[in-house]
Amino acid sequence: MDCLREVCLAAQEQKGFKTRPLLQALAHADLAKILLRMTHELEIISLAQYQLLGTELVEITSMLGGWLRFARTQ
């Protein structure tokens, strides 16, 4: 939820001010990856669920990273 909030803030910011919320969104996404890994290791979720959600999180962080690189060139 925090990651989504930061993405919304970044979308509303003017050029030159998007970096901070994007970095925070990436930090939240990284935390989500850690929590996902922990839930799998504790056998709270299945391997299939872990793989599905992990794939989505990798895509999200990739997109955020691309947006951050673009924002830094503006």
C-alpha atoms as a PDB file:
ATOM      1  CA  MET A   1       0.000   0.000   0.000  1.00  0.00           C
ATOM      2  CA  ASP A   2       2.858   2.373   0.803  1.00  0.00           C
ATOM      3  CA  CYS A   3       4.462   1.568  -2.533  1.00  0.00           C
ATOM      4  CA  LEU A   4       1.267   2.511  -4.360  1.00  0.00           C
ATOM      5  CA  ARG A   5       1.055   5.750  -2.385  1.00  0.00           C
ATOM      6  CA  GLU A   6       4.591   6.707  -3.400  1.00  0.00           C
ATOM      7  CA  VAL A   7       3.900   5.891  -7.054  1.00  0.00           C
ATOM      8  CA  CYS A   8       0.828   8.139  -6.964  1.00  0.00           C
ATOM      9  CA  LEU A   9       2.878  10.928  -5.386  1.00  0.00           C
ATOM     10  CA  ALA A  10       5.576  10.565  -8.038  1.00  0.00           C
ATOM     11  CA  ALA A  11       2.984  10.706 -10.798  1.00  0.00           C
ATOM     12  CA  GLN A  12       1.685  14.014  -9.452  1.00  0.00           C
ATOM     13  CA  GLU A  13       5.088  15.633  -8.936  1.00  0.00           C
ATOM     14  CA  GLN A  14       6.648  18.001 -11.423  1.00  0.00           C
ATOM     15  CA  LYS A  15       9.814  17.139 -13.308  1.00  0.00           C
ATOM     16  CA  GLY A  16      12.818  17.074 -11.031  1.00  0.00           C
ATOM     17  CA  PHE A  17      10.819  16.100  -7.948  1.00  0.00           C
ATOM     18  CA  LYS A  18       9.876  12.519  -8.840  1.00  0.00           C
ATOM     19  CA  THR A  19      13.112  10.887  -7.645  1.00  0.00           C
ATOM     20  CA  ARG A  20      12.390  10.806  -3.900  1.00  0.00           C
ATOM     21  CA  PRO A  21       8.963   9.130  -4.063  1.00  0.00           C
ATOM     22  CA  LEU A  22      10.249   6.663  -6.666  1.00  0.00           C
ATOM     23  CA  LEU A  23      13.175   5.701  -4.439  1.00  0.00           C
ATOM     24  CA  GLN A  24      10.762   5.198  -1.570  1.00  0.00           C
ATOM     25  CA  ALA A  25       8.475   3.105  -3.775  1.00  0.00           C
ATOM     26  CA  LEU A  26      11.458   0.929  -4.727  1.00  0.00           C
ATOM     27  CA  ALA A  27      12.336   0.509  -1.047  1.00  0.00           C
ATOM     28  CA  HIS A  28       8.762  -0.604  -0.297  1.00  0.00           C
ATOM     29  CA  ALA A  29       8.851  -3.031  -3.211  1.00  0.00           C
ATOM     30  CA  ASP A  30      12.131  -4.485  -1.927  1.00  0.00           C
ATOM     31  CA  LEU A  31      10.552  -4.908   1.495  1.00  0.00           C
ATOM     32  CA  ALA A  32       7.617  -6.696  -0.133  1.00  0.00           C
ATOM     33  CA  LYS A  33      10.082  -9.091  -1.806  1.00  0.00           C
ATOM     34  CA  ILE A  34      11.665  -9.878   1.558  1.00  0.00           C
ATOM     35  CA  LEU A  35       8.287 -10.426   3.197  1.00  0.00           C
ATOM     36  CA  LEU A  36       7.202 -12.639   0.316  1.00  0.00           C
ATOM     37  CA  ARG A  37      10.349 -14.742   0.660  1.00  0.00           C
ATOM     38  CA  MET A  38       9.735 -15.067   4.405  1.00  0.00           C
ATOM     39  CA  THR A  39       6.140 -16.185   3.924  1.00  0.00           C
ATOM     40  CA  HIS A  40       7.318 -18.887   1.545  1.00  0.00           C
ATOM     41  CA  GLU A  41      10.131 -20.029   3.842  1.00  0.00           C
ATOM     42  CA  LEU A  42       7.664 -20.234   6.742  1.00  0.00           C
ATOM     43  CA  GLU A  43       5.373 -22.276   4.460  1.00  0.00           C
ATOM     44  CA  ILE A  44       2.562 -19.755   4.710  1.00  0.00           C
ATOM     45  CA  ILE A  45       2.221 -19.702   0.932  1.00  0.00           C
ATOM     46  CA  SER A  46       2.881 -22.403  -1.639  1.00  0.00           C
ATOM     47  CA  LEU A  47       5.721 -22.465  -4.133  1.00  0.00           C
ATOM     48  CA  ALA A  48       3.278 -21.653  -6.953  1.00  0.00           C
ATOM     49  CA  GLN A  49       1.990 -18.592  -5.084  1.00  0.00           C
ATOM     50  CA  TYR A  50       5.541 -17.516  -4.307  1.00  0.00           C
ATOM     51  CA  GLN A  51       6.579 -17.798  -7.948  1.00  0.00           C
ATOM     52  CA  LEU A  52       3.525 -15.930  -9.208  1.00  0.00           C
ATOM     53  CA  LEU A  53       3.831 -13.072  -6.739  1.00  0.00           C
ATOM     54  CA  GLY A  54       7.611 -12.979  -7.108  1.00  0.00           C
ATOM     55  CA  THR A  55       7.293 -12.577 -10.858  1.00  0.00           C
ATOM     56  CA  GLU A  56       4.890  -9.672 -10.379  1.00  0.00           C
ATOM     57  CA  LEU A  57       7.186  -7.987  -7.854  1.00  0.00           C
ATOM     58  CA  VAL A  58      10.164  -8.320 -10.186  1.00  0.00           C
ATOM     59  CA  GLU A  59       8.129  -6.659 -12.940  1.00  0.00           C
ATOM     60  CA  ILE A  60       7.028  -3.866 -10.596  1.00  0.00           C
ATOM     61  CA  THR A  61      10.573  -3.126  -9.445  1.00  0.00           C
ATOM     62  CA  SER A  62      11.797  -3.219 -13.030  1.00  0.00           C
ATOM     63  CA  MET A  63       9.186  -0.684 -14.084  1.00  0.00           C
ATOM     64  CA  LEU A  64       9.946   1.540 -11.094  1.00  0.00           C
ATOM     65  CA  GLY A  65      13.653   1.363 -11.879  1.00  0.00           C
ATOM     66  CA  GLY A  66      13.016   2.403 -15.463  1.00  0.00           C
ATOM     67  CA  TRP A  67      10.839   5.298 -14.347  1.00  0.00           C
ATOM     68  CA  LEU A  68      13.516   6.375 -11.862  1.00  0.00           C
ATOM     69  CA  ARG A  69      16.243   6.316 -14.542  1.00  0.00           C
ATOM     70  CA  PHE A  70      14.007   8.403 -16.805  1.00  0.00           C
ATOM     71  CA  ALA A  71      13.181  10.855 -13.991  1.00  0.00           C
ATOM     72  CA  ARG A  72      16.875  11.353 -13.271  1.00  0.00           C
ATOM     73  CA  THR A  73      17.520  12.433 -16.868  1.00  0.00           C
ATOM     74  CA  GLN A  74      14.813  15.099 -16.762  1.00  0.00           C
END
